[in-house]
């Protein structure tokens, strides 16, 4: 019997070693394919920009409605020498503050509701009702309560970022395999140990999905807040372009917003990949 156990142990160690080798090989392949992935990601924007440039230059699209991408580039350079960085810094500060507050509250309430059926009975109906309220519906009330300063803008962003993180975290906790929890309880793990060793690793993929969705919603909400009451920010730049009838300013603001959203999402995606690199999951067919 002991010899059989040794053989089984050796086979298990060999399987684990092969699995580890497979993950290392997959990680190395993904590193080599990253430059190619970046080039593929740039292909569609390049085609769209080239098509717009040709359409405007040939007169198919009115230049006063859709400026050529080359003209947008010069507008971007002009703004970069002036107020562009101040607008970006103002919006980024609001997004990070609101997203941080909303995500932290979502993690607290999401863990509470996910782990406790009693907490779910008390909290979940109210949160589901509040989730159905559009973000813009909060704007008049926040302006009345908090005024037009930074507090109202950050609060609106926090509300927008809260629900994606909350919903995904609750779903992640509730999708933990019940057998894993039962096995942990059989081995005498405390509630805190169960959370640390079973619930957190299992719910992490859902949490990162919620964080990325919440961050995207935060960028949407900051534009909504700055469109209504702001003297700085990307949303203010959009309003300024509309008031002076300059579509190039509006389009540059949209491009900057898209770039900032992509940059911050890429940081979260990199953090997600580093935190979940122990998983051996399907990464898509080549």
Protein backbone atom coordinates (compact mmCIF):
# COMPACT_ATOMS: atom_id res chain seq x y z
CA UNK A 1 0.00 0.00 0.00
CA UNK A 2 2.84 2.40 0.82
CA UNK A 3 4.48 1.63 -2.56
CA UNK A 4 1.22 2.43 -4.32
CA UNK A 5 0.99 5.71 -2.41
CA UNK A 6 4.54 6.57 -3.45
CA UNK A 7 3.71 5.85 -7.08
CA UNK A 8 0.53 7.93 -6.91
CA UNK A 9 2.44 10.75 -5.24
CA UNK A 10 5.13 10.62 -7.92
CA UNK A 11 2.51 10.67 -10.65
CA UNK A 12 0.76 13.63 -9.00
CA UNK A 13 4.04 15.53 -8.72
CA UNK A 14 4.80 14.77 -12.37
CA UNK A 15 1.35 16.00 -13.42
CA UNK A 16 1.79 19.16 -11.37
CA UNK A 17 5.22 19.71 -12.92
CA UNK A 18 3.79 19.26 -16.41
CA UNK A 19 0.99 21.68 -15.61
CA UNK A 20 3.49 24.23 -14.31
CA UNK A 21 5.65 23.79 -17.41
CA UNK A 22 2.59 24.25 -19.60
CA UNK A 23 1.69 27.50 -17.83
CA UNK A 24 5.25 28.80 -18.18
CA UNK A 25 5.26 27.92 -21.89
CA UNK A 26 1.88 29.61 -22.37
CA UNK A 27 3.10 32.73 -20.54
CA UNK A 28 6.24 32.86 -22.69
CA UNK A 29 4.20 32.52 -25.87
CA UNK A 30 1.87 35.30 -24.74
CA UNK A 31 4.86 37.58 -24.11
CA UNK A 32 6.19 36.92 -27.60
CA UNK A 33 2.78 37.55 -29.16
CA UNK A 34 2.16 40.87 -27.37
CA UNK A 35 3.76 43.07 -30.08
CA UNK A 36 1.71 41.29 -32.74
CA UNK A 37 -1.43 41.78 -30.65
CA UNK A 38 -0.71 45.52 -30.40
CA UNK A 39 -0.29 45.74 -34.18
CA UNK A 40 -3.58 43.93 -34.70
CA UNK A 41 -5.28 46.29 -32.28
CA UNK A 42 -4.01 49.30 -34.25
CA UNK A 43 -5.16 47.93 -37.60
CA UNK A 44 -8.84 48.90 -37.31
CA UNK A 45 -8.20 52.50 -36.06
CA UNK A 46 -5.64 52.97 -38.84
CA UNK A 47 -8.11 51.84 -41.50
CA UNK A 48 -10.87 54.09 -40.08
CA UNK A 49 -8.55 57.13 -39.90
CA UNK A 50 -7.29 56.58 -43.43
CA UNK A 51 -10.85 56.24 -44.71
CA UNK A 52 -11.93 59.44 -42.95
CA UNK A 53 -8.90 61.34 -44.22
CA UNK A 54 -9.61 60.30 -47.80
CA UNK A 55 -13.34 61.01 -47.49
CA UNK A 56 -12.77 64.55 -46.20
CA UNK A 57 -10.02 65.37 -48.70
CA UNK A 58 -12.16 64.13 -51.60
CA UNK A 59 -15.14 66.18 -50.43
CA UNK A 60 -17.37 63.21 -49.65
CA UNK A 61 -17.71 64.34 -46.02
CA UNK A 62 -18.15 68.06 -45.13
CA UNK A 63 -15.02 69.30 -43.37
CA UNK A 64 -17.02 71.65 -41.11
CA UNK A 65 -18.87 68.63 -39.69
CA UNK A 66 -16.09 66.02 -39.66
CA UNK A 67 -12.56 67.45 -39.71
CA UNK A 68 -9.85 65.34 -41.27
CA UNK A 69 -7.74 63.28 -38.85
CA UNK A 70 -4.69 65.32 -39.84
CA UNK A 71 -6.49 68.51 -38.74
CA UNK A 72 -7.45 66.80 -35.47
CA UNK A 73 -3.77 66.00 -34.93
CA UNK A 74 -2.84 69.66 -35.27
CA UNK A 75 -5.65 70.62 -32.88
CA UNK A 76 -4.34 68.06 -30.40
CA UNK A 77 -0.82 69.52 -30.66
CA UNK A 78 -2.24 73.00 -30.12
CA UNK A 79 -4.12 71.90 -27.01
CA UNK A 80 -1.09 69.97 -25.73
CA UNK A 81 0.82 73.26 -25.58
CA UNK A 82 -2.02 74.83 -23.61
CA UNK A 83 -4.80 73.61 -21.33
CA UNK A 84 -5.08 69.94 -22.38
CA UNK A 85 -2.99 68.50 -19.55
CA UNK A 86 -4.86 70.58 -17.00
CA UNK A 87 -8.18 69.18 -18.25
CA UNK A 88 -6.83 65.62 -18.21
CA UNK A 89 -5.46 66.02 -14.69
CA UNK A 90 -8.77 67.44 -13.40
CA UNK A 91 -10.83 64.59 -14.88
CA UNK A 92 -8.35 61.90 -13.80
CA UNK A 93 -8.33 63.19 -10.22
CA UNK A 94 -12.12 63.03 -10.07
CA UNK A 95 -12.25 59.58 -11.65
CA UNK A 96 -9.66 58.06 -9.33
CA UNK A 97 -11.27 59.58 -6.23
CA UNK A 98 -14.80 58.55 -7.16
CA UNK A 99 -13.79 55.12 -8.41
CA UNK A 100 -11.74 54.44 -5.28
CA UNK A 101 -14.61 55.36 -2.96
CA UNK A 102 -17.22 53.49 -4.99
CA UNK A 103 -15.08 50.36 -5.39
CA UNK A 104 -14.20 50.17 -1.69
CA UNK A 105 -17.83 50.51 -0.63
CA UNK A 106 -18.83 47.93 -3.25
CA UNK A 107 -16.26 45.44 -1.96
CA UNK A 108 -17.49 45.89 1.62
CA UNK A 109 -21.19 45.54 0.83
CA UNK A 110 -20.61 42.92 -1.86
CA UNK A 111 -18.68 40.70 0.54
CA UNK A 112 -21.31 41.20 3.23
CA UNK A 113 -24.21 40.32 0.93
CA UNK A 114 -22.35 37.48 -0.76
CA UNK A 115 -21.37 35.78 2.49
CA UNK A 116 -24.54 36.40 4.51
CA UNK A 117 -28.05 35.44 3.50
CA UNK A 118 -29.46 37.66 6.27
CA UNK A 119 -27.54 40.67 4.93
CA UNK A 120 -28.83 39.87 1.45
CA UNK A 121 -32.42 39.92 2.69
CA UNK A 122 -31.95 43.36 4.25
CA UNK A 123 -29.73 45.08 1.67
CA UNK A 124 -30.21 43.51 -1.75
CA UNK A 125 -33.78 44.75 -2.51
CA UNK A 126 -32.82 48.38 -1.86
CA UNK A 127 -29.63 48.15 -3.94
CA UNK A 128 -31.46 46.54 -6.84
CA UNK A 129 -34.02 49.37 -6.78
CA UNK A 130 -31.29 52.03 -6.65
CA UNK A 131 -29.41 50.32 -9.49
CA UNK A 132 -32.36 50.95 -11.79
CA UNK A 133 -32.03 54.72 -11.31
CA UNK A 134 -30.00 56.28 -14.17
CA UNK A 135 -26.84 58.09 -13.12
CA UNK A 136 -28.00 61.40 -14.61
CA UNK A 137 -31.10 61.27 -12.41
CA UNK A 138 -28.87 61.85 -9.38
CA UNK A 139 -27.37 65.04 -10.80
CA UNK A 140 -30.13 67.53 -9.80
CA UNK A 141 -30.31 66.12 -6.28
CA UNK A 142 -26.52 66.13 -5.86
CA UNK A 143 -26.35 69.74 -7.06
CA UNK A 144 -29.02 70.72 -4.53
CA UNK A 145 -27.38 68.82 -1.67
CA UNK A 146 -23.68 69.31 -2.38
CA UNK A 147 -23.46 72.26 -4.75
CA UNK A 148 -21.38 72.47 -7.91
CA UNK A 149 -17.99 71.85 -6.35
CA UNK A 150 -15.91 68.67 -6.45
CA UNK A 151 -17.94 66.77 -3.86
CA UNK A 152 -20.99 66.38 -6.09
CA UNK A 153 -18.91 65.22 -9.06
CA UNK A 154 -16.97 62.64 -7.03
CA UNK A 155 -20.19 61.38 -5.46
CA UNK A 156 -21.79 60.87 -8.88
CA UNK A 157 -18.72 58.95 -10.07
CA UNK A 158 -18.73 56.81 -6.93
CA UNK A 159 -22.40 55.93 -7.49
CA UNK A 160 -21.67 54.95 -11.07
CA UNK A 161 -18.66 52.80 -10.16
CA UNK A 162 -20.35 51.13 -7.18
CA UNK A 163 -22.89 48.84 -8.82
CA UNK A 164 -20.71 47.04 -11.42
CA UNK A 165 -18.18 46.11 -8.73
CA UNK A 166 -20.88 45.16 -6.22
CA UNK A 167 -22.85 42.95 -8.61
CA UNK A 168 -19.81 41.10 -9.94
CA UNK A 169 -18.37 40.49 -6.47
CA UNK A 170 -21.67 39.09 -5.17
CA UNK A 171 -21.91 36.86 -8.25
CA UNK A 172 -18.32 35.69 -7.75
CA UNK A 173 -18.89 34.74 -4.12
CA UNK A 174 -22.19 33.01 -4.86
CA UNK A 175 -20.59 31.01 -7.70
CA UNK A 176 -17.96 29.45 -5.45
CA UNK A 177 -18.27 25.66 -5.58
CA UNK A 178 -20.20 24.56 -2.48
CA UNK A 179 -18.06 21.41 -2.24
CA UNK A 180 -14.94 23.50 -1.74
CA UNK A 181 -16.57 25.31 1.17
CA UNK A 182 -17.71 22.01 2.69
CA UNK A 183 -14.23 20.51 2.38
CA UNK A 184 -12.72 23.59 4.02
CA UNK A 185 -15.21 23.31 6.88
CA UNK A 186 -14.42 19.61 7.27
CA UNK A 187 -10.74 20.46 7.69
CA UNK A 188 -11.63 22.89 10.46
CA UNK A 189 -10.99 26.18 8.65
CA UNK A 190 -12.41 29.19 10.42
CA UNK A 191 -14.74 31.61 8.64
CA UNK A 192 -11.85 34.01 8.09
CA UNK A 193 -9.66 31.22 6.71
CA UNK A 194 -12.47 30.13 4.38
CA UNK A 195 -12.72 33.66 3.04
CA UNK A 196 -8.96 34.02 2.61
CA UNK A 197 -8.22 30.59 1.13
CA UNK A 198 -11.40 29.76 -0.82
CA UNK A 199 -13.73 32.70 -1.41
CA UNK A 200 -11.13 35.35 -2.34
CA UNK A 201 -9.23 33.24 -4.93
CA UNK A 202 -12.47 31.95 -6.46
CA UNK A 203 -14.13 35.38 -6.64
CA UNK A 204 -11.10 37.30 -7.93
CA UNK A 205 -11.93 36.91 -11.65
CA UNK A 206 -15.41 38.30 -11.04
CA UNK A 207 -13.99 41.12 -8.93
CA UNK A 208 -11.58 42.24 -11.64
CA UNK A 209 -14.39 42.15 -14.19
CA UNK A 210 -16.41 44.39 -11.90
CA UNK A 211 -13.47 46.74 -11.31
CA UNK A 212 -12.88 47.17 -15.04
CA UNK A 213 -16.59 47.76 -15.67
CA UNK A 214 -16.75 50.19 -12.74
CA UNK A 215 -13.74 52.13 -14.01
CA UNK A 216 -15.35 52.45 -17.44
CA UNK A 217 -18.54 53.70 -15.80
CA UNK A 218 -16.48 56.19 -13.77
CA UNK A 219 -15.17 57.78 -16.97
CA UNK A 220 -18.72 58.02 -18.31
CA UNK A 221 -19.94 59.67 -15.12
CA UNK A 222 -17.12 62.21 -14.97
CA UNK A 223 -18.06 63.47 -18.42
CA UNK A 224 -21.71 63.73 -17.38
CA UNK A 225 -20.74 65.67 -14.25
CA UNK A 226 -18.39 68.03 -16.10
CA UNK A 227 -20.91 68.70 -18.86
CA UNK A 228 -23.27 70.19 -16.29
CA UNK A 229 -21.05 72.14 -13.95
CA UNK A 230 -17.27 72.44 -14.36
CA UNK A 231 -14.57 74.85 -15.40
CA UNK A 232 -11.95 72.17 -16.05
CA UNK A 233 -11.96 68.62 -17.33
CA UNK A 234 -12.56 66.65 -20.51
CA UNK A 235 -16.33 67.12 -20.18
CA UNK A 236 -15.80 70.89 -19.99
CA UNK A 237 -13.68 70.66 -23.14
CA UNK A 238 -16.60 68.94 -24.87
CA UNK A 239 -18.96 71.73 -23.79
CA UNK A 240 -16.51 74.39 -24.90
CA UNK A 241 -16.22 72.82 -28.36
CA UNK A 242 -20.00 72.70 -28.71
CA UNK A 243 -20.49 76.32 -27.64
CA UNK A 244 -17.92 77.68 -30.11
CA UNK A 245 -19.09 75.27 -32.87
CA UNK A 246 -15.71 73.55 -33.22
CA UNK A 247 -16.17 69.85 -33.95
CA UNK A 248 -12.40 69.39 -33.89
CA UNK A 249 -12.36 70.28 -30.17
CA UNK A 250 -15.23 67.90 -29.48
CA UNK A 251 -13.57 65.06 -31.40
CA UNK A 252 -10.19 65.65 -29.73
CA UNK A 253 -11.90 65.53 -26.32
CA UNK A 254 -13.58 62.24 -27.29
CA UNK A 255 -10.24 60.81 -28.47
CA UNK A 256 -8.52 61.87 -25.25
CA UNK A 257 -11.34 60.35 -23.21
CA UNK A 258 -11.05 57.07 -25.14
CA UNK A 259 -7.27 57.05 -24.68
CA UNK A 260 -7.51 57.67 -20.94
CA UNK A 261 -10.15 54.96 -20.57
CA UNK A 262 -8.02 52.50 -22.52
CA UNK A 263 -4.88 53.38 -20.56
CA UNK A 264 -6.48 52.93 -17.15
CA UNK A 265 -8.24 49.74 -18.25
CA UNK A 266 -4.92 48.34 -19.50
CA UNK A 267 -3.40 48.95 -16.07
CA UNK A 268 -6.23 47.02 -14.43
CA UNK A 269 -5.97 44.29 -17.06
CA UNK A 270 -2.23 43.94 -16.37
CA UNK A 271 -2.90 43.77 -12.63
CA UNK A 272 -5.55 41.13 -13.30
CA UNK A 273 -3.15 39.04 -15.37
CA UNK A 274 -0.47 39.21 -12.67
CA UNK A 275 -2.91 38.36 -9.87
CA UNK A 276 -4.53 35.45 -11.74
CA UNK A 277 -1.52 33.99 -13.52
CA UNK A 278 -1.95 30.77 -11.51
CA UNK A 279 -5.04 29.95 -13.58
CA UNK A 280 -4.76 27.61 -16.57
CA UNK A 281 -7.59 28.91 -18.73
CA UNK A 282 -8.47 29.05 -22.41
CA UNK A 283 -6.95 32.20 -23.92
CA UNK A 284 -8.61 32.02 -27.34
CA UNK A 285 -7.74 30.14 -30.50
CA UNK A 286 -4.91 31.51 -32.62
